[in-house]
C-alpha cells in the first residue's frame, strides 16, 4: 500500500477511535469536530481529509462496529453443536452483550443515542439500518424458537421486546453503576434471566411424563 494511503487509513482509525470516545461522553449533538481532532491528536484539516463531516464519521463508526458485532454473533451461534433454536438465540444475545461490554464506549454512545432499543426512532444514517437489521435477526431467532416448541406462549413482538429491553436494561445498569461488576457475570445473569422468561414450561401432562413417565426412564 502506498505511504499516502497508509497514512489516510491510519488517520481514519485515529479519528474513529477518538470520535467513539467523544460520542460516548457527550452524545452526537454535543460532539464537536474540533474536540474529535483534539482527542485524536491530529489537525482539524486532517479530520476533514479523512471524513466529510460528523455524519460521515457516525456512519463509518456504526458500519465498522456492527460488521464486527455480526461476525462475533455468527461465530458464537454457528456450527452444528450450537444447540436448540432457543439456545442459539440466547448464545447470540450473549455474544451481543459480550461485544458491547468489551467495546463499552460504543455501548455508551448507543445508550445515549436512543431511549429505547426496540425502535429505530432517534437513530440516524447507518445506525438506523443496522439497528433494524439487528431487530430482524432477533425476531427470526424468536420465531425459530417458537417453531421448535421451546418458546413461552408470547407473541413474537412481545418476546423480541423482552429480549431487547432486557439487553438494554442490564447493560445500562452496568454502565450507570460504574462498571462495578465483571462483564462476564453481567452477561451470564442476563442470559439466565432471558432463559427463564422465554422458555416454555411443560403443561401438567408433559411434566408428569418427564418426572414419572417414559421420558424419565430414557
C-alpha atoms as a PDB file:
ATOM      1  CA  UNK A   1       0.000   0.000   0.000  1.00  0.00           C
ATOM      2  CA  UNK A   2       1.389   3.456  -0.873  1.00  0.00           C
ATOM      3  CA  UNK A   3       2.528   5.605   2.042  1.00  0.00           C
ATOM      4  CA  UNK A   4      -0.201   8.177   1.437  1.00  0.00           C
ATOM      5  CA  UNK A   5      -2.904   5.501   1.526  1.00  0.00           C
ATOM      6  CA  UNK A   6      -1.456   4.022   4.734  1.00  0.00           C
ATOM      7  CA  UNK A   7      -1.444   7.468   6.332  1.00  0.00           C
ATOM      8  CA  UNK A   8      -5.053   8.053   5.275  1.00  0.00           C
ATOM      9  CA  UNK A   9      -6.125   4.704   6.763  1.00  0.00           C
ATOM     10  CA  UNK A  10      -4.266   5.458   9.987  1.00  0.00           C
ATOM     11  CA  UNK A  11      -5.901   8.873  10.272  1.00  0.00           C
ATOM     12  CA  UNK A  12      -9.332   7.376   9.734  1.00  0.00           C
ATOM     13  CA  UNK A  13      -8.753   4.845  12.519  1.00  0.00           C
ATOM     14  CA  UNK A  14      -7.458   7.532  14.888  1.00  0.00           C
ATOM     15  CA  UNK A  15     -10.445   9.758  14.151  1.00  0.00           C
ATOM     16  CA  UNK A  16     -12.971   6.928  14.563  1.00  0.00           C
ATOM     17  CA  UNK A  17     -11.474   5.885  17.912  1.00  0.00           C
ATOM     18  CA  UNK A  18     -11.482   9.479  19.171  1.00  0.00           C
ATOM     19  CA  UNK A  19     -14.999  10.112  17.879  1.00  0.00           C
ATOM     20  CA  UNK A  20     -16.291   6.994  19.602  1.00  0.00           C
ATOM     21  CA  UNK A  21     -14.972   8.281  22.932  1.00  0.00           C
ATOM     22  CA  UNK A  22     -16.421  11.761  22.384  1.00  0.00           C
ATOM     23  CA  UNK A  23     -19.801  10.432  21.257  1.00  0.00           C
ATOM     24  CA  UNK A  24     -19.935   8.229  24.346  1.00  0.00           C
ATOM     25  CA  UNK A  25     -19.027  11.188  26.545  1.00  0.00           C
ATOM     26  CA  UNK A  26     -21.364  13.905  25.262  1.00  0.00           C
ATOM     27  CA  UNK A  27     -23.573  12.349  22.581  1.00  0.00           C
ATOM     28  CA  UNK A  28     -23.935  13.148  18.897  1.00  0.00           C
ATOM     29  CA  UNK A  29     -25.306  16.682  19.262  1.00  0.00           C
ATOM     30  CA  UNK A  30     -22.663  17.659  21.807  1.00  0.00           C
ATOM     31  CA  UNK A  31     -19.697  16.262  19.888  1.00  0.00           C
ATOM     32  CA  UNK A  32     -17.673  18.878  18.012  1.00  0.00           C
ATOM     33  CA  UNK A  33     -15.284  18.199  15.165  1.00  0.00           C
ATOM     34  CA  UNK A  34     -12.650  20.260  16.958  1.00  0.00           C
ATOM     35  CA  UNK A  35     -12.971  18.018  20.020  1.00  0.00           C
ATOM     36  CA  UNK A  36     -12.583  14.923  17.839  1.00  0.00           C
ATOM     37  CA  UNK A  37      -9.437  16.373  16.268  1.00  0.00           C
ATOM     38  CA  UNK A  38      -8.007  17.188  19.685  1.00  0.00           C
ATOM     39  CA  UNK A  39      -8.836  13.731  21.066  1.00  0.00           C
ATOM     40  CA  UNK A  40      -7.288  12.081  18.001  1.00  0.00           C
ATOM     41  CA  UNK A  41      -4.196  14.338  18.272  1.00  0.00           C
ATOM     42  CA  UNK A  42      -4.494  15.403  14.654  1.00  0.00           C
ATOM     43  CA  UNK A  43      -5.347  18.700  12.988  1.00  0.00           C
ATOM     44  CA  UNK A  44      -8.905  19.643  12.125  1.00  0.00           C
ATOM     45  CA  UNK A  45      -7.855  19.700   8.468  1.00  0.00           C
ATOM     46  CA  UNK A  46      -6.710  16.081   8.804  1.00  0.00           C
ATOM     47  CA  UNK A  47     -10.081  15.102  10.221  1.00  0.00           C
ATOM     48  CA  UNK A  48     -11.830  16.641   7.228  1.00  0.00           C
ATOM     49  CA  UNK A  49      -9.441  14.909   4.846  1.00  0.00           C
ATOM     50  CA  UNK A  50     -10.424  11.590   6.411  1.00  0.00           C
ATOM     51  CA  UNK A  51     -14.183  12.253   6.676  1.00  0.00           C
ATOM     52  CA  UNK A  52     -16.638  14.647   5.076  1.00  0.00           C
ATOM     53  CA  UNK A  53     -18.149  15.580   8.432  1.00  0.00           C
ATOM     54  CA  UNK A  54     -19.667  14.312  11.652  1.00  0.00           C
ATOM     55  CA  UNK A  55     -22.431  12.374   9.899  1.00  0.00           C
ATOM     56  CA  UNK A  56     -19.809  10.577   7.811  1.00  0.00           C
ATOM     57  CA  UNK A  57     -17.870   9.668  10.963  1.00  0.00           C
ATOM     58  CA  UNK A  58     -21.081   8.459  12.636  1.00  0.00           C
ATOM     59  CA  UNK A  59     -21.941   6.212   9.698  1.00  0.00           C
ATOM     60  CA  UNK A  60     -18.404   4.818   9.355  1.00  0.00           C
ATOM     61  CA  UNK A  61     -18.208   4.057  13.073  1.00  0.00           C
ATOM     62  CA  UNK A  62     -21.522   2.187  13.114  1.00  0.00           C
ATOM     63  CA  UNK A  63     -20.671   0.289   9.934  1.00  0.00           C
ATOM     64  CA  UNK A  64     -17.321  -0.802  11.364  1.00  0.00           C
ATOM     65  CA  UNK A  65     -18.607  -1.792  14.790  1.00  0.00           C
ATOM     66  CA  UNK A  66     -21.721  -3.558  13.542  1.00  0.00           C
ATOM     67  CA  UNK A  67     -19.774  -5.574  10.978  1.00  0.00           C
ATOM     68  CA  UNK A  68     -17.543  -6.796  13.802  1.00  0.00           C
ATOM     69  CA  UNK A  69     -20.560  -7.465  16.028  1.00  0.00           C
ATOM     70  CA  UNK A  70     -22.342  -9.522  13.379  1.00  0.00           C
ATOM     71  CA  UNK A  71     -19.179 -11.542  12.787  1.00  0.00           C
ATOM     72  CA  UNK A  72     -18.911 -12.205  16.531  1.00  0.00           C
ATOM     73  CA  UNK A  73     -22.536 -13.337  16.767  1.00  0.00           C
ATOM     74  CA  UNK A  74     -22.217 -15.579  13.719  1.00  0.00           C
ATOM     75  CA  UNK A  75     -19.115 -17.199  15.187  1.00  0.00           C
ATOM     76  CA  UNK A  76     -20.812 -17.853  18.520  1.00  0.00           C
ATOM     77  CA  UNK A  77     -24.049 -19.319  17.153  1.00  0.00           C
ATOM     78  CA  UNK A  78     -22.670 -21.098  14.092  1.00  0.00           C
ATOM     79  CA  UNK A  79     -21.818 -24.763  13.877  1.00  0.00           C
ATOM     80  CA  UNK A  80     -23.726 -27.986  14.382  1.00  0.00           C
ATOM     81  CA  UNK A  81     -23.144 -28.033  18.152  1.00  0.00           C
ATOM     82  CA  UNK A  82     -24.756 -24.644  18.777  1.00  0.00           C
ATOM     83  CA  UNK A  83     -27.783 -26.273  20.437  1.00  0.00           C
ATOM     84  CA  UNK A  84     -31.528 -25.789  20.074  1.00  0.00           C
ATOM     85  CA  UNK A  85     -33.069 -22.687  18.469  1.00  0.00           C
ATOM     86  CA  UNK A  86     -33.688 -21.118  21.880  1.00  0.00           C
ATOM     87  CA  UNK A  87     -30.122 -21.790  22.971  1.00  0.00           C
ATOM     88  CA  UNK A  88     -28.842 -20.335  19.697  1.00  0.00           C
ATOM     89  CA  UNK A  89     -30.936 -17.234  20.306  1.00  0.00           C
ATOM     90  CA  UNK A  90     -29.525 -16.908  23.820  1.00  0.00           C
ATOM     91  CA  UNK A  91     -25.990 -17.520  22.558  1.00  0.00           C
ATOM     92  CA  UNK A  92     -26.496 -14.708  20.068  1.00  0.00           C
ATOM     93  CA  UNK A  93     -27.704 -12.345  22.792  1.00  0.00           C
ATOM     94  CA  UNK A  94     -24.719 -13.317  24.946  1.00  0.00           C
ATOM     95  CA  UNK A  95     -22.425 -12.531  22.017  1.00  0.00           C
ATOM     96  CA  UNK A  96     -24.060  -9.116  21.538  1.00  0.00           C
ATOM     97  CA  UNK A  97     -23.801  -8.283  25.237  1.00  0.00           C
ATOM     98  CA  UNK A  98     -20.221  -9.531  25.380  1.00  0.00           C
ATOM     99  CA  UNK A  99     -19.233  -7.438  22.376  1.00  0.00           C
ATOM    100  CA  UNK A 100     -20.838  -4.296  23.789  1.00  0.00           C
ATOM    101  CA  UNK A 101     -19.259  -4.675  27.211  1.00  0.00           C
ATOM    102  CA  UNK A 102     -15.884  -5.211  25.536  1.00  0.00           C
ATOM    103  CA  UNK A 103     -16.453  -2.029  23.473  1.00  0.00           C
ATOM    104  CA  UNK A 104     -18.048  -0.012  26.232  1.00  0.00           C
ATOM    105  CA  UNK A 105     -17.592   3.381  24.554  1.00  0.00           C
ATOM    106  CA  UNK A 106     -19.683   2.098  21.655  1.00  0.00           C
ATOM    107  CA  UNK A 107     -22.199   0.727  24.161  1.00  0.00           C
ATOM    108  CA  UNK A 108     -22.417   4.069  25.921  1.00  0.00           C
ATOM    109  CA  UNK A 109     -22.897   6.096  22.744  1.00  0.00           C
ATOM    110  CA  UNK A 110     -25.775   3.783  21.795  1.00  0.00           C
ATOM    111  CA  UNK A 111     -27.333   4.198  25.222  1.00  0.00           C
ATOM    112  CA  UNK A 112     -27.127   7.954  24.709  1.00  0.00           C
ATOM    113  CA  UNK A 113     -28.460   7.802  21.155  1.00  0.00           C
ATOM    114  CA  UNK A 114     -31.805   6.155  21.897  1.00  0.00           C
ATOM    115  CA  UNK A 115     -34.056   5.890  24.937  1.00  0.00           C
ATOM    116  CA  UNK A 116     -35.483   2.604  23.665  1.00  0.00           C
ATOM    117  CA  UNK A 117     -33.603  -0.021  21.676  1.00  0.00           C
ATOM    118  CA  UNK A 118     -36.782  -1.691  20.445  1.00  0.00           C
ATOM    119  CA  UNK A 119     -37.360   1.073  17.913  1.00  0.00           C
ATOM    120  CA  UNK A 120     -35.220   2.808  15.314  1.00  0.00           C
ATOM    121  CA  UNK A 121     -36.675   6.166  16.368  1.00  0.00           C
ATOM    122  CA  UNK A 122     -33.864   8.528  17.264  1.00  0.00           C
ATOM    123  CA  UNK A 123     -31.319   6.627  15.197  1.00  0.00           C
ATOM    124  CA  UNK A 124     -29.927   8.123  12.009  1.00  0.00           C
ATOM    125  CA  UNK A 125     -27.983   7.106   8.924  1.00  0.00           C
ATOM    126  CA  UNK A 126     -26.274   3.736   9.006  1.00  0.00           C
ATOM    127  CA  UNK A 127     -27.237   3.276  12.649  1.00  0.00           C
ATOM    128  CA  UNK A 128     -30.916   3.103  11.663  1.00  0.00           C
ATOM    129  CA  UNK A 129     -30.166   0.473   9.012  1.00  0.00           C
ATOM    130  CA  UNK A 130     -28.053  -1.774  11.224  1.00  0.00           C
ATOM    131  CA  UNK A 131     -30.430  -1.395  14.163  1.00  0.00           C
ATOM    132  CA  UNK A 132     -33.376  -2.537  12.037  1.00  0.00           C
ATOM    133  CA  UNK A 133     -31.325  -5.474  10.742  1.00  0.00           C
ATOM    134  CA  UNK A 134     -30.422  -6.437  14.311  1.00  0.00           C
ATOM    135  CA  UNK A 135     -34.054  -6.400  15.395  1.00  0.00           C
ATOM    136  CA  UNK A 136     -34.943  -8.563  12.405  1.00  0.00           C
ATOM    137  CA  UNK A 137     -32.277 -11.123  13.394  1.00  0.00           C
ATOM    138  CA  UNK A 138     -33.615 -11.316  16.935  1.00  0.00           C
ATOM    139  CA  UNK A 139     -37.187 -11.710  15.665  1.00  0.00           C
ATOM    140  CA  UNK A 140     -36.029 -14.530  13.383  1.00  0.00           C
ATOM    141  CA  UNK A 141     -34.395 -16.244  16.359  1.00  0.00           C
ATOM    142  CA  UNK A 142     -37.596 -15.879  18.362  1.00  0.00           C
ATOM    143  CA  UNK A 143     -39.630 -17.373  15.505  1.00  0.00           C
ATOM    144  CA  UNK A 144     -37.230 -20.328  15.252  1.00  0.00           C
ATOM    145  CA  UNK A 145     -37.608 -20.981  18.986  1.00  0.00           C
ATOM    146  CA  UNK A 146     -41.378 -20.794  18.603  1.00  0.00           C
ATOM    147  CA  UNK A 147     -41.340 -23.263  15.699  1.00  0.00           C
ATOM    148  CA  UNK A 148     -39.309 -25.703  17.794  1.00  0.00           C
ATOM    149  CA  UNK A 149     -41.871 -25.560  20.617  1.00  0.00           C
ATOM    150  CA  UNK A 150     -39.403 -24.032  23.098  1.00  0.00           C
ATOM    151  CA  UNK A 151     -40.864 -20.554  23.365  1.00  0.00           C
ATOM    152  CA  UNK A 152     -43.316 -19.484  26.040  1.00  0.00           C
ATOM    153  CA  UNK A 153     -46.799 -18.506  24.858  1.00  0.00           C
ATOM    154  CA  UNK A 154     -45.829 -14.983  23.855  1.00  0.00           C
ATOM    155  CA  UNK A 155     -46.405 -13.018  20.641  1.00  0.00           C
ATOM    156  CA  UNK A 156     -43.228 -12.647  18.607  1.00  0.00           C
ATOM    157  CA  UNK A 157     -43.131  -8.882  19.069  1.00  0.00           C
ATOM    158  CA  UNK A 158     -43.530  -9.251  22.824  1.00  0.00           C
ATOM    159  CA  UNK A 159     -40.794 -11.890  23.068  1.00  0.00           C
ATOM    160  CA  UNK A 160     -38.494  -9.776  20.888  1.00  0.00           C
ATOM    161  CA  UNK A 161     -39.257  -6.778  23.066  1.00  0.00           C
ATOM    162  CA  UNK A 162     -38.403  -8.713  26.216  1.00  0.00           C
ATOM    163  CA  UNK A 163     -35.048  -9.715  24.731  1.00  0.00           C
ATOM    164  CA  UNK A 164     -34.086  -6.242  23.537  1.00  0.00           C
ATOM    165  CA  UNK A 165     -35.370  -4.470  26.645  1.00  0.00           C
ATOM    166  CA  UNK A 166     -33.508  -6.835  28.955  1.00  0.00           C
ATOM    167  CA  UNK A 167     -30.325  -6.335  26.940  1.00  0.00           C
ATOM    168  CA  UNK A 168     -30.642  -2.571  27.253  1.00  0.00           C
ATOM    169  CA  UNK A 169     -31.618  -2.582  30.941  1.00  0.00           C
ATOM    170  CA  UNK A 170     -28.850  -4.948  32.038  1.00  0.00           C
ATOM    171  CA  UNK A 171     -26.139  -3.086  30.116  1.00  0.00           C
ATOM    172  CA  UNK A 172     -27.407   0.376  31.052  1.00  0.00           C
ATOM    173  CA  UNK A 173     -27.408  -0.633  34.708  1.00  0.00           C
ATOM    174  CA  UNK A 174     -23.812  -1.883  34.361  1.00  0.00           C
ATOM    175  CA  UNK A 175     -22.692   1.412  32.818  1.00  0.00           C
ATOM    176  CA  UNK A 176     -24.597   3.586  35.296  1.00  0.00           C
ATOM    177  CA  UNK A 177     -23.181   1.586  38.205  1.00  0.00           C
ATOM    178  CA  UNK A 178     -19.680   2.476  37.047  1.00  0.00           C
ATOM    179  CA  UNK A 179     -18.975  -0.958  35.550  1.00  0.00           C
ATOM    180  CA  UNK A 180     -18.834  -2.283  39.094  1.00  0.00           C
ATOM    181  CA  UNK A 181     -19.285  -5.949  38.158  1.00  0.00           C
ATOM    182  CA  UNK A 182     -17.377  -8.341  35.978  1.00  0.00           C
ATOM    183  CA  UNK A 183     -18.775  -8.079  32.454  1.00  0.00           C
ATOM    184  CA  UNK A 184     -18.960 -11.866  32.030  1.00  0.00           C
ATOM    185  CA  UNK A 185     -21.090 -12.100  35.173  1.00  0.00           C
ATOM    186  CA  UNK A 186     -23.456  -9.437  33.829  1.00  0.00           C
ATOM    187  CA  UNK A 187     -23.834 -11.325  30.547  1.00  0.00           C
ATOM    188  CA  UNK A 188     -24.431 -14.636  32.349  1.00  0.00           C
ATOM    189  CA  UNK A 189     -27.062 -13.021  34.579  1.00  0.00           C
ATOM    190  CA  UNK A 190     -28.811 -11.520  31.540  1.00  0.00           C
ATOM    191  CA  UNK A 191     -28.883 -14.848  29.687  1.00  0.00           C
ATOM    192  CA  UNK A 192     -30.159 -16.718  32.757  1.00  0.00           C
ATOM    193  CA  UNK A 193     -32.990 -14.201  33.109  1.00  0.00           C
ATOM    194  CA  UNK A 194     -33.974 -14.482  29.454  1.00  0.00           C
ATOM    195  CA  UNK A 195     -33.880 -18.276  29.525  1.00  0.00           C
ATOM    196  CA  UNK A 196     -36.280 -18.218  32.483  1.00  0.00           C
ATOM    197  CA  UNK A 197     -38.610 -15.700  30.822  1.00  0.00           C
ATOM    198  CA  UNK A 198     -38.640 -17.152  27.318  1.00  0.00           C
ATOM    199  CA  UNK A 199     -38.611 -20.910  27.837  1.00  0.00           C
ATOM    200  CA  UNK A 200     -41.947 -22.666  27.622  1.00  0.00           C
ATOM    201  CA  UNK A 201     -42.826 -24.569  30.753  1.00  0.00           C
ATOM    202  CA  UNK A 202     -44.306 -28.072  30.260  1.00  0.00           C
ATOM    203  CA  UNK A 203     -48.015 -28.466  30.903  1.00  0.00           C
ATOM    204  CA  UNK A 204     -49.216 -30.882  33.572  1.00  0.00           C
ATOM    205  CA  UNK A 205     -49.276 -33.958  31.328  1.00  0.00           C
ATOM    206  CA  UNK A 206     -45.816 -33.204  29.938  1.00  0.00           C
ATOM    207  CA  UNK A 207     -44.497 -32.598  33.460  1.00  0.00           C
ATOM    208  CA  UNK A 208     -45.829 -35.958  34.617  1.00  0.00           C
ATOM    209  CA  UNK A 209     -44.248 -37.630  31.633  1.00  0.00           C
ATOM    210  CA  UNK A 210     -40.881 -36.038  32.362  1.00  0.00           C
ATOM    211  CA  UNK A 211     -40.915 -36.845  36.066  1.00  0.00           C
ATOM    212  CA  UNK A 212     -42.708 -40.175  36.249  1.00  0.00           C
ATOM    213  CA  UNK A 213     -43.270 -41.427  32.748  1.00  0.00           C
ATOM    214  CA  UNK A 214     -41.347 -42.731  29.798  1.00  0.00           C
ATOM    215  CA  UNK A 215     -39.013 -39.739  29.394  1.00  0.00           C
ATOM    216  CA  UNK A 216     -37.677 -40.103  32.905  1.00  0.00           C
ATOM    217  CA  UNK A 217     -36.793 -43.700  32.066  1.00  0.00           C
ATOM    218  CA  UNK A 218     -34.921 -42.966  28.825  1.00  0.00           C
END
